[in-house]
Amino acid sequence: MIPIEEAIRKLTSLPAATLRITERGRLAQGCFADVVVFDPTTIADHSTYEKPHQYATGVRHVWVNGVQVLKDGEHTGAKPGRVVRGPGWKVKTQS
């Protein structure tokens, strides 16, 4: 096992930096605010290949782009997600 701080870094700022996606993966002014509040003693993933759409437990609150989408473990109905494109994405031109 690795320390919780290292696990969070490997799920947030490390992939954003590796993929050169700016304004993502960290909490800082000017960045998109994606925040998860969870209990590290009860968090667990219950999805499987057979049942991939199972909710995790131990997650209390989630904000996506600064908008709360999970409050006290329940979805708020908000859908503020956005497509994230890194520097490798290019617009196709019509010929």
N, C-alpha and C. Protein backbone atom coordinates (compact mmCIF):
# COMPACT_ATOMS: atom_id res chain seq x y z
N MET A 1 0.84 -1.17 0.00
CA MET A 1 0.00 0.00 0.00
C MET A 1 0.89 1.24 0.00
N ILE A 2 0.32 2.30 -0.52
CA ILE A 2 1.04 3.57 -0.54
C ILE A 2 0.28 4.59 0.33
N PRO A 3 0.96 5.61 0.80
CA PRO A 3 0.27 6.63 1.60
C PRO A 3 -0.85 7.29 0.80
N ILE A 4 -1.90 7.70 1.49
CA ILE A 4 -3.06 8.30 0.84
C ILE A 4 -2.68 9.53 0.02
N GLU A 5 -1.73 10.32 0.50
CA GLU A 5 -1.29 11.51 -0.24
C GLU A 5 -0.70 11.14 -1.60
N GLU A 6 0.08 10.06 -1.63
CA GLU A 6 0.68 9.61 -2.88
C GLU A 6 -0.38 9.04 -3.83
N ALA A 7 -1.36 8.32 -3.28
CA ALA A 7 -2.44 7.79 -4.11
C ALA A 7 -3.23 8.93 -4.75
N ILE A 8 -3.53 9.96 -3.99
CA ILE A 8 -4.27 11.11 -4.52
C ILE A 8 -3.46 11.80 -5.61
N ARG A 9 -2.16 11.99 -5.38
CA ARG A 9 -1.30 12.61 -6.40
C ARG A 9 -1.31 11.79 -7.69
N LYS A 10 -1.25 10.46 -7.56
CA LYS A 10 -1.23 9.60 -8.74
C LYS A 10 -2.56 9.60 -9.50
N LEU A 11 -3.63 10.05 -8.86
CA LEU A 11 -4.94 10.13 -9.51
C LEU A 11 -5.29 11.53 -9.98
N THR A 12 -4.48 12.52 -9.63
CA THR A 12 -4.83 13.91 -9.93
C THR A 12 -3.73 14.63 -10.70
N SER A 13 -2.78 15.20 -9.98
CA SER A 13 -1.78 16.06 -10.62
C SER A 13 -0.79 15.30 -11.50
N LEU A 14 -0.45 14.07 -11.15
CA LEU A 14 0.51 13.31 -11.96
C LEU A 14 -0.01 13.04 -13.38
N PRO A 15 -1.22 12.48 -13.56
CA PRO A 15 -1.69 12.27 -14.94
C PRO A 15 -1.90 13.57 -15.69
N ALA A 16 -2.38 14.62 -15.01
CA ALA A 16 -2.58 15.90 -15.69
C ALA A 16 -1.24 16.44 -16.19
N ALA A 17 -0.21 16.36 -15.36
CA ALA A 17 1.11 16.84 -15.78
C ALA A 17 1.69 15.97 -16.89
N THR A 18 1.54 14.65 -16.77
CA THR A 18 2.06 13.73 -17.78
C THR A 18 1.42 13.99 -19.14
N LEU A 19 0.12 14.25 -19.14
CA LEU A 19 -0.61 14.49 -20.39
C LEU A 19 -0.58 15.95 -20.81
N ARG A 20 0.13 16.78 -20.05
CA ARG A 20 0.27 18.21 -20.32
C ARG A 20 -1.09 18.90 -20.44
N ILE A 21 -1.99 18.53 -19.52
CA ILE A 21 -3.31 19.15 -19.46
C ILE A 21 -3.24 20.22 -18.38
N THR A 22 -3.25 21.46 -18.80
CA THR A 22 -3.12 22.57 -17.85
C THR A 22 -4.45 22.85 -17.18
N GLU A 23 -4.42 23.52 -16.07
CA GLU A 23 -5.59 23.93 -15.30
C GLU A 23 -6.40 22.75 -14.78
N ARG A 24 -5.78 21.58 -14.65
CA ARG A 24 -6.43 20.38 -14.12
C ARG A 24 -5.48 19.67 -13.17
N GLY A 25 -6.06 18.86 -12.28
CA GLY A 25 -5.26 17.98 -11.44
C GLY A 25 -4.73 18.59 -10.15
N ARG A 26 -5.06 19.85 -9.87
CA ARG A 26 -4.61 20.46 -8.62
C ARG A 26 -5.57 21.57 -8.23
N LEU A 27 -5.58 21.88 -6.95
CA LEU A 27 -6.42 22.97 -6.46
C LEU A 27 -5.57 24.22 -6.41
N ALA A 28 -5.83 25.14 -7.33
CA ALA A 28 -5.10 26.40 -7.40
C ALA A 28 -5.97 27.42 -8.12
N GLN A 29 -5.73 28.67 -7.84
CA GLN A 29 -6.50 29.72 -8.50
C GLN A 29 -6.33 29.60 -10.01
N GLY A 30 -7.46 29.71 -10.72
CA GLY A 30 -7.44 29.61 -12.18
C GLY A 30 -7.63 28.20 -12.70
N CYS A 31 -7.58 27.20 -11.83
CA CYS A 31 -7.79 25.81 -12.24
C CYS A 31 -9.26 25.42 -12.07
N PHE A 32 -9.69 24.44 -12.83
CA PHE A 32 -11.04 23.91 -12.68
C PHE A 32 -11.11 23.16 -11.36
N ALA A 33 -12.16 23.38 -10.60
CA ALA A 33 -12.27 22.80 -9.27
C ALA A 33 -13.03 21.48 -9.31
N ASP A 34 -12.31 20.38 -9.32
CA ASP A 34 -12.89 19.05 -9.17
C ASP A 34 -12.44 18.54 -7.81
N VAL A 35 -13.40 18.33 -6.90
CA VAL A 35 -13.08 17.97 -5.52
C VAL A 35 -13.93 16.79 -5.09
N VAL A 36 -13.31 15.84 -4.38
CA VAL A 36 -14.03 14.71 -3.81
C VAL A 36 -13.75 14.68 -2.31
N VAL A 37 -14.83 14.60 -1.52
CA VAL A 37 -14.70 14.46 -0.07
C VAL A 37 -15.09 13.02 0.26
N PHE A 38 -14.15 12.27 0.83
CA PHE A 38 -14.40 10.87 1.11
C PHE A 38 -13.83 10.47 2.46
N ASP A 39 -14.32 9.36 2.97
CA ASP A 39 -13.83 8.79 4.22
C ASP A 39 -12.84 7.68 3.86
N PRO A 40 -11.56 7.89 4.14
CA PRO A 40 -10.57 6.87 3.74
C PRO A 40 -10.73 5.53 4.44
N THR A 41 -11.48 5.49 5.53
CA THR A 41 -11.67 4.21 6.23
C THR A 41 -12.82 3.39 5.66
N THR A 42 -13.71 4.03 4.88
CA THR A 42 -14.87 3.30 4.36
C THR A 42 -14.96 3.30 2.84
N ILE A 43 -14.07 4.01 2.16
CA ILE A 43 -14.17 4.08 0.70
C ILE A 43 -13.88 2.72 0.09
N ALA A 44 -14.74 2.33 -0.85
CA ALA A 44 -14.58 1.04 -1.53
C ALA A 44 -15.27 1.09 -2.88
N ASP A 45 -14.65 0.47 -3.86
CA ASP A 45 -15.21 0.36 -5.21
C ASP A 45 -15.91 -0.98 -5.31
N HIS A 46 -17.16 -0.98 -5.76
CA HIS A 46 -17.93 -2.22 -5.85
C HIS A 46 -18.19 -2.65 -7.29
N SER A 47 -17.67 -1.92 -8.27
CA SER A 47 -17.92 -2.28 -9.66
C SER A 47 -17.05 -3.48 -10.06
N THR A 48 -17.57 -4.23 -11.01
CA THR A 48 -16.87 -5.39 -11.56
C THR A 48 -17.02 -5.32 -13.08
N TYR A 49 -16.36 -6.22 -13.78
CA TYR A 49 -16.53 -6.28 -15.23
C TYR A 49 -17.97 -6.64 -15.57
N GLU A 50 -18.58 -7.52 -14.78
CA GLU A 50 -19.96 -7.92 -15.04
C GLU A 50 -20.95 -6.81 -14.68
N LYS A 51 -20.65 -6.04 -13.63
CA LYS A 51 -21.52 -4.95 -13.16
C LYS A 51 -20.69 -3.67 -13.00
N PRO A 52 -20.37 -3.00 -14.11
CA PRO A 52 -19.46 -1.86 -14.05
C PRO A 52 -20.08 -0.57 -13.50
N HIS A 53 -21.40 -0.50 -13.38
CA HIS A 53 -22.06 0.74 -12.96
C HIS A 53 -22.49 0.72 -11.50
N GLN A 54 -21.68 0.16 -10.64
CA GLN A 54 -21.96 0.14 -9.21
C GLN A 54 -21.29 1.34 -8.56
N TYR A 55 -22.00 2.02 -7.68
CA TYR A 55 -21.42 3.17 -6.99
C TYR A 55 -20.41 2.73 -5.94
N ALA A 56 -19.40 3.56 -5.75
CA ALA A 56 -18.45 3.36 -4.66
C ALA A 56 -19.11 3.80 -3.36
N THR A 57 -18.65 3.28 -2.25
CA THR A 57 -19.12 3.73 -0.95
C THR A 57 -18.02 4.54 -0.28
N GLY A 58 -18.42 5.36 0.67
CA GLY A 58 -17.46 6.19 1.40
C GLY A 58 -17.26 7.57 0.80
N VAL A 59 -17.89 7.86 -0.35
CA VAL A 59 -17.79 9.18 -0.99
C VAL A 59 -18.98 10.00 -0.51
N ARG A 60 -18.70 11.15 0.10
CA ARG A 60 -19.77 11.99 0.66
C ARG A 60 -20.18 13.13 -0.28
N HIS A 61 -19.18 13.85 -0.80
CA HIS A 61 -19.47 15.04 -1.61
C HIS A 61 -18.52 15.07 -2.81
N VAL A 62 -19.03 15.57 -3.96
CA VAL A 62 -18.21 15.73 -5.16
C VAL A 62 -18.58 17.05 -5.83
N TRP A 63 -17.58 17.81 -6.21
CA TRP A 63 -17.76 19.02 -7.02
C TRP A 63 -17.03 18.82 -8.33
N VAL A 64 -17.67 19.14 -9.44
CA VAL A 64 -17.08 19.07 -10.77
C VAL A 64 -17.14 20.48 -11.35
N ASN A 65 -15.99 21.00 -11.74
CA ASN A 65 -15.90 22.36 -12.26
C ASN A 65 -16.55 23.38 -11.32
N GLY A 66 -16.40 23.13 -10.02
CA GLY A 66 -16.91 24.05 -9.01
C GLY A 66 -18.38 23.90 -8.67
N VAL A 67 -19.08 22.93 -9.27
CA VAL A 67 -20.50 22.71 -9.02
C VAL A 67 -20.68 21.39 -8.28
N GLN A 68 -21.44 21.41 -7.19
CA GLN A 68 -21.63 20.18 -6.41
C GLN A 68 -22.56 19.23 -7.15
N VAL A 69 -22.07 18.01 -7.39
CA VAL A 69 -22.85 16.99 -8.09
C VAL A 69 -23.24 15.83 -7.17
N LEU A 70 -22.57 15.70 -6.03
CA LEU A 70 -22.91 14.69 -5.03
C LEU A 70 -22.93 15.38 -3.68
N LYS A 71 -24.07 15.30 -2.98
CA LYS A 71 -24.21 15.93 -1.67
C LYS A 71 -24.72 14.88 -0.70
N ASP A 72 -23.97 14.65 0.36
CA ASP A 72 -24.32 13.63 1.35
C ASP A 72 -24.58 12.27 0.69
N GLY A 73 -23.78 11.95 -0.32
CA GLY A 73 -23.87 10.66 -1.00
C GLY A 73 -24.94 10.55 -2.06
N GLU A 74 -25.69 11.62 -2.32
CA GLU A 74 -26.77 11.60 -3.31
C GLU A 74 -26.47 12.56 -4.45
N HIS A 75 -26.78 12.13 -5.69
CA HIS A 75 -26.56 12.98 -6.86
C HIS A 75 -27.50 14.17 -6.82
N THR A 76 -26.99 15.35 -7.13
CA THR A 76 -27.80 16.58 -7.10
C THR A 76 -28.55 16.82 -8.40
N GLY A 77 -28.22 16.09 -9.45
CA GLY A 77 -28.82 16.31 -10.76
C GLY A 77 -27.98 17.21 -11.65
N ALA A 78 -26.99 17.87 -11.07
CA ALA A 78 -26.11 18.75 -11.85
C ALA A 78 -25.19 17.92 -12.73
N LYS A 79 -24.89 18.45 -13.92
CA LYS A 79 -23.99 17.77 -14.87
C LYS A 79 -23.04 18.79 -15.49
N PRO A 80 -22.12 19.35 -14.68
CA PRO A 80 -21.24 20.41 -15.19
C PRO A 80 -19.96 19.90 -15.86
N GLY A 81 -19.86 18.61 -16.14
CA GLY A 81 -18.66 18.06 -16.75
C GLY A 81 -18.36 18.67 -18.11
N ARG A 82 -17.08 18.64 -18.47
CA ARG A 82 -16.63 19.18 -19.76
C ARG A 82 -15.65 18.19 -20.38
N VAL A 83 -15.56 18.22 -21.69
CA VAL A 83 -14.56 17.42 -22.39
C VAL A 83 -13.19 18.01 -22.07
N VAL A 84 -12.24 17.15 -21.73
CA VAL A 84 -10.87 17.60 -21.46
C VAL A 84 -10.00 17.11 -22.61
N ARG A 85 -9.39 18.05 -23.29
CA ARG A 85 -8.53 17.70 -24.43
C ARG A 85 -7.12 18.17 -24.14
N GLY A 86 -6.17 17.28 -24.35
CA GLY A 86 -4.77 17.63 -24.16
C GLY A 86 -4.15 18.16 -25.44
N PRO A 87 -2.84 18.39 -25.42
CA PRO A 87 -2.17 18.98 -26.57
C PRO A 87 -2.14 18.08 -27.80
N GLY A 88 -2.43 16.79 -27.66
CA GLY A 88 -2.42 15.88 -28.80
C GLY A 88 -3.70 15.92 -29.61
N TRP A 89 -4.74 16.57 -29.08
CA TRP A 89 -6.02 16.64 -29.78
C TRP A 89 -5.93 17.73 -30.85
N LYS A 90 -6.40 17.39 -32.03
CA LYS A 90 -6.39 18.36 -33.13
C LYS A 90 -7.76 18.38 -33.78
N VAL A 91 -8.14 19.55 -34.24
CA VAL A 91 -9.40 19.70 -34.95
C VAL A 91 -9.22 19.14 -36.36
N LYS A 92 -10.15 18.28 -36.78
CA LYS A 92 -10.11 17.75 -38.15
C LYS A 92 -10.65 18.81 -39.09
N THR A 93 -9.95 19.04 -40.15
CA THR A 93 -10.44 19.99 -41.15
C THR A 93 -11.12 19.19 -42.26
N GLN A 94 -12.18 19.77 -42.79
CA GLN A 94 -12.85 19.10 -43.90
C GLN A 94 -12.13 19.39 -45.19
N SER A 95 -12.01 18.38 -46.06
CA SER A 95 -11.35 18.60 -47.35
C SER A 95 -12.30 18.54 -48.48
